[in-house]
């Protein structure tokens, strides 16, 4: 059984996770054309070697970042997204108090 290190839940069975793709810098969407935005959303480098990826622990709904060697499929490190992203980017309608 393959185990994945979740920063919130510890070592868990790999079947409990979904990979969300490479971590990329977030562009200013208001400055991008539709084609550039599509490139950002759908294009991935798919590099061999060390990559930084988004991972979701499905049972808890917890998103985190993992550094993984794609050649060996070995997880080198996992950590909360807050280590890279100090401010959360809102998605969807504003919540009360955000206005």
C-alpha atoms as a PDB file:
ATOM      1  CA  UNK A   1       0.000   0.000   0.000  1.00  0.00           C
ATOM      2  CA  UNK A   2       1.353   3.412  -1.003  1.00  0.00           C
ATOM      3  CA  UNK A   3       1.169   6.112   1.674  1.00  0.00           C
ATOM      4  CA  UNK A   4       1.058   9.878   1.167  1.00  0.00           C
ATOM      5  CA  UNK A   5       2.117  12.310   3.914  1.00  0.00           C
ATOM      6  CA  UNK A   6      -0.717  14.746   4.618  1.00  0.00           C
ATOM      7  CA  UNK A   7       0.265  17.702   6.834  1.00  0.00           C
ATOM      8  CA  UNK A   8      -3.143  17.601   8.541  1.00  0.00           C
ATOM      9  CA  UNK A   9      -3.897  13.877   8.742  1.00  0.00           C
ATOM     10  CA  UNK A  10      -0.453  12.235   8.717  1.00  0.00           C
ATOM     11  CA  UNK A  11       0.413   9.235   6.545  1.00  0.00           C
ATOM     12  CA  UNK A  12      -2.695   8.061   4.705  1.00  0.00           C
ATOM     13  CA  UNK A  13      -3.508   5.546   1.979  1.00  0.00           C
ATOM     14  CA  UNK A  14      -2.868   7.026  -1.488  1.00  0.00           C
ATOM     15  CA  UNK A  15      -6.416   6.095  -2.539  1.00  0.00           C
ATOM     16  CA  UNK A  16      -7.671   8.925  -0.284  1.00  0.00           C
ATOM     17  CA  UNK A  17      -5.974  11.613  -2.412  1.00  0.00           C
ATOM     18  CA  UNK A  18      -6.389  13.429  -5.705  1.00  0.00           C
ATOM     19  CA  UNK A  19      -3.623  15.412  -7.381  1.00  0.00           C
ATOM     20  CA  UNK A  20      -4.661  18.949  -8.350  1.00  0.00           C
ATOM     21  CA  UNK A  21      -1.745  19.683 -10.671  1.00  0.00           C
ATOM     22  CA  UNK A  22       1.371  21.797 -10.506  1.00  0.00           C
ATOM     23  CA  UNK A  23       1.587  24.828  -8.260  1.00  0.00           C
ATOM     24  CA  UNK A  24       1.910  27.870 -10.497  1.00  0.00           C
ATOM     25  CA  UNK A  25       2.126  31.593  -9.828  1.00  0.00           C
ATOM     26  CA  UNK A  26      -1.330  33.137 -10.048  1.00  0.00           C
ATOM     27  CA  UNK A  27      -1.523  35.707 -12.826  1.00  0.00           C
ATOM     28  CA  UNK A  28      -3.683  38.813 -12.708  1.00  0.00           C
ATOM     29  CA  UNK A  29      -6.743  37.469 -14.517  1.00  0.00           C
ATOM     30  CA  UNK A  30      -7.906  40.981 -15.374  1.00  0.00           C
ATOM     31  CA  UNK A  31      -4.772  41.459 -17.494  1.00  0.00           C
ATOM     32  CA  UNK A  32      -5.009  38.199 -19.476  1.00  0.00           C
ATOM     33  CA  UNK A  33      -6.710  37.432 -22.755  1.00  0.00           C
ATOM     34  CA  UNK A  34      -9.051  34.439 -22.878  1.00  0.00           C
ATOM     35  CA  UNK A  35      -6.332  32.456 -24.659  1.00  0.00           C
ATOM     36  CA  UNK A  36      -3.734  33.352 -22.012  1.00  0.00           C
ATOM     37  CA  UNK A  37      -6.151  32.409 -19.206  1.00  0.00           C
ATOM     38  CA  UNK A  38      -6.885  29.066 -20.904  1.00  0.00           C
ATOM     39  CA  UNK A  39      -3.128  28.484 -21.204  1.00  0.00           C
ATOM     40  CA  UNK A  40      -2.711  29.119 -17.461  1.00  0.00           C
ATOM     41  CA  UNK A  41      -5.625  26.912 -16.432  1.00  0.00           C
ATOM     42  CA  UNK A  42      -5.096  23.955 -18.757  1.00  0.00           C
ATOM     43  CA  UNK A  43      -1.418  23.828 -19.760  1.00  0.00           C
ATOM     44  CA  UNK A  44       1.049  21.981 -17.541  1.00  0.00           C
ATOM     45  CA  UNK A  45       4.767  21.499 -18.011  1.00  0.00           C
ATOM     46  CA  UNK A  46       4.566  17.829 -16.955  1.00  0.00           C
ATOM     47  CA  UNK A  47       8.263  17.877 -16.097  1.00  0.00           C
ATOM     48  CA  UNK A  48      10.204  14.817 -15.059  1.00  0.00           C
ATOM     49  CA  UNK A  49      11.870  15.205 -11.670  1.00  0.00           C
ATOM     50  CA  UNK A  50      11.030  17.372  -8.665  1.00  0.00           C
ATOM     51  CA  UNK A  51       7.666  19.152  -8.913  1.00  0.00           C
ATOM     52  CA  UNK A  52       5.521  21.116  -6.485  1.00  0.00           C
ATOM     53  CA  UNK A  53       1.877  20.003  -6.691  1.00  0.00           C
ATOM     54  CA  UNK A  54      -1.532  20.635  -5.155  1.00  0.00           C
ATOM     55  CA  UNK A  55      -2.994  17.576  -3.402  1.00  0.00           C
ATOM     56  CA  UNK A  56      -6.427  17.042  -1.901  1.00  0.00           C
ATOM     57  CA  UNK A  57      -7.139  14.653   0.957  1.00  0.00           C
ATOM     58  CA  UNK A  58     -10.680  13.790  -0.164  1.00  0.00           C
ATOM     59  CA  UNK A  59     -12.182  12.551   3.138  1.00  0.00           C
ATOM     60  CA  UNK A  60     -11.252  15.754   4.992  1.00  0.00           C
ATOM     61  CA  UNK A  61     -11.430  18.170   2.038  1.00  0.00           C
ATOM     62  CA  UNK A  62      -7.937  19.436   2.941  1.00  0.00           C
ATOM     63  CA  UNK A  63      -5.789  20.937   0.158  1.00  0.00           C
ATOM     64  CA  UNK A  64      -2.031  21.054   0.663  1.00  0.00           C
ATOM     65  CA  UNK A  65       1.188  21.268  -1.310  1.00  0.00           C
ATOM     66  CA  UNK A  66       3.585  18.386  -1.838  1.00  0.00           C
ATOM     67  CA  UNK A  67       7.002  18.219  -3.414  1.00  0.00           C
ATOM     68  CA  UNK A  68       7.245  14.980  -5.370  1.00  0.00           C
ATOM     69  CA  UNK A  69       9.830  13.347  -7.605  1.00  0.00           C
ATOM     70  CA  UNK A  70       7.833  12.299 -10.669  1.00  0.00           C
ATOM     71  CA  UNK A  71      10.544   9.861 -11.760  1.00  0.00           C
ATOM     72  CA  UNK A  72      10.347   7.775  -8.583  1.00  0.00           C
ATOM     73  CA  UNK A  73       6.854   8.924  -7.446  1.00  0.00           C
ATOM     74  CA  UNK A  74       8.443   9.652  -4.060  1.00  0.00           C
ATOM     75  CA  UNK A  75       7.031  12.396  -1.851  1.00  0.00           C
ATOM     76  CA  UNK A  76       9.857  14.483  -0.439  1.00  0.00           C
ATOM     77  CA  UNK A  77       7.856  16.996   1.558  1.00  0.00           C
ATOM     78  CA  UNK A  78       4.272  18.117   2.159  1.00  0.00           C
ATOM     79  CA  UNK A  79       3.067  21.274   3.870  1.00  0.00           C
ATOM     80  CA  UNK A  80       0.069  23.597   4.279  1.00  0.00           C
ATOM     81  CA  UNK A  81      -0.558  25.955   1.361  1.00  0.00           C
ATOM     82  CA  UNK A  82      -0.231  28.871   3.788  1.00  0.00           C
ATOM     83  CA  UNK A  83       3.553  28.381   3.663  1.00  0.00           C
ATOM     84  CA  UNK A  84       3.489  29.623   0.052  1.00  0.00           C
ATOM     85  CA  UNK A  85       0.329  31.692  -0.061  1.00  0.00           C
ATOM     86  CA  UNK A  86      -0.121  34.189   2.759  1.00  0.00           C
ATOM     87  CA  UNK A  87      -3.402  35.552   1.422  1.00  0.00           C
ATOM     88  CA  UNK A  88      -6.284  33.434   0.150  1.00  0.00           C
ATOM     89  CA  UNK A  89      -7.662  34.417  -3.242  1.00  0.00           C
ATOM     90  CA  UNK A  90     -11.460  34.458  -3.045  1.00  0.00           C
ATOM     91  CA  UNK A  91     -13.338  32.334  -5.549  1.00  0.00           C
ATOM     92  CA  UNK A  92     -17.039  32.791  -6.175  1.00  0.00           C
ATOM     93  CA  UNK A  93     -19.408  35.282  -4.573  1.00  0.00           C
ATOM     94  CA  UNK A  94     -18.140  37.503  -1.778  1.00  0.00           C
ATOM     95  CA  UNK A  95     -18.972  36.454   1.755  1.00  0.00           C
ATOM     96  CA  UNK A  96     -20.645  38.876   4.168  1.00  0.00           C
ATOM     97  CA  UNK A  97     -18.025  41.211   5.587  1.00  0.00           C
ATOM     98  CA  UNK A  98     -15.742  40.927   2.515  1.00  0.00           C
ATOM     99  CA  UNK A  99     -17.237  44.031   0.904  1.00  0.00           C
END
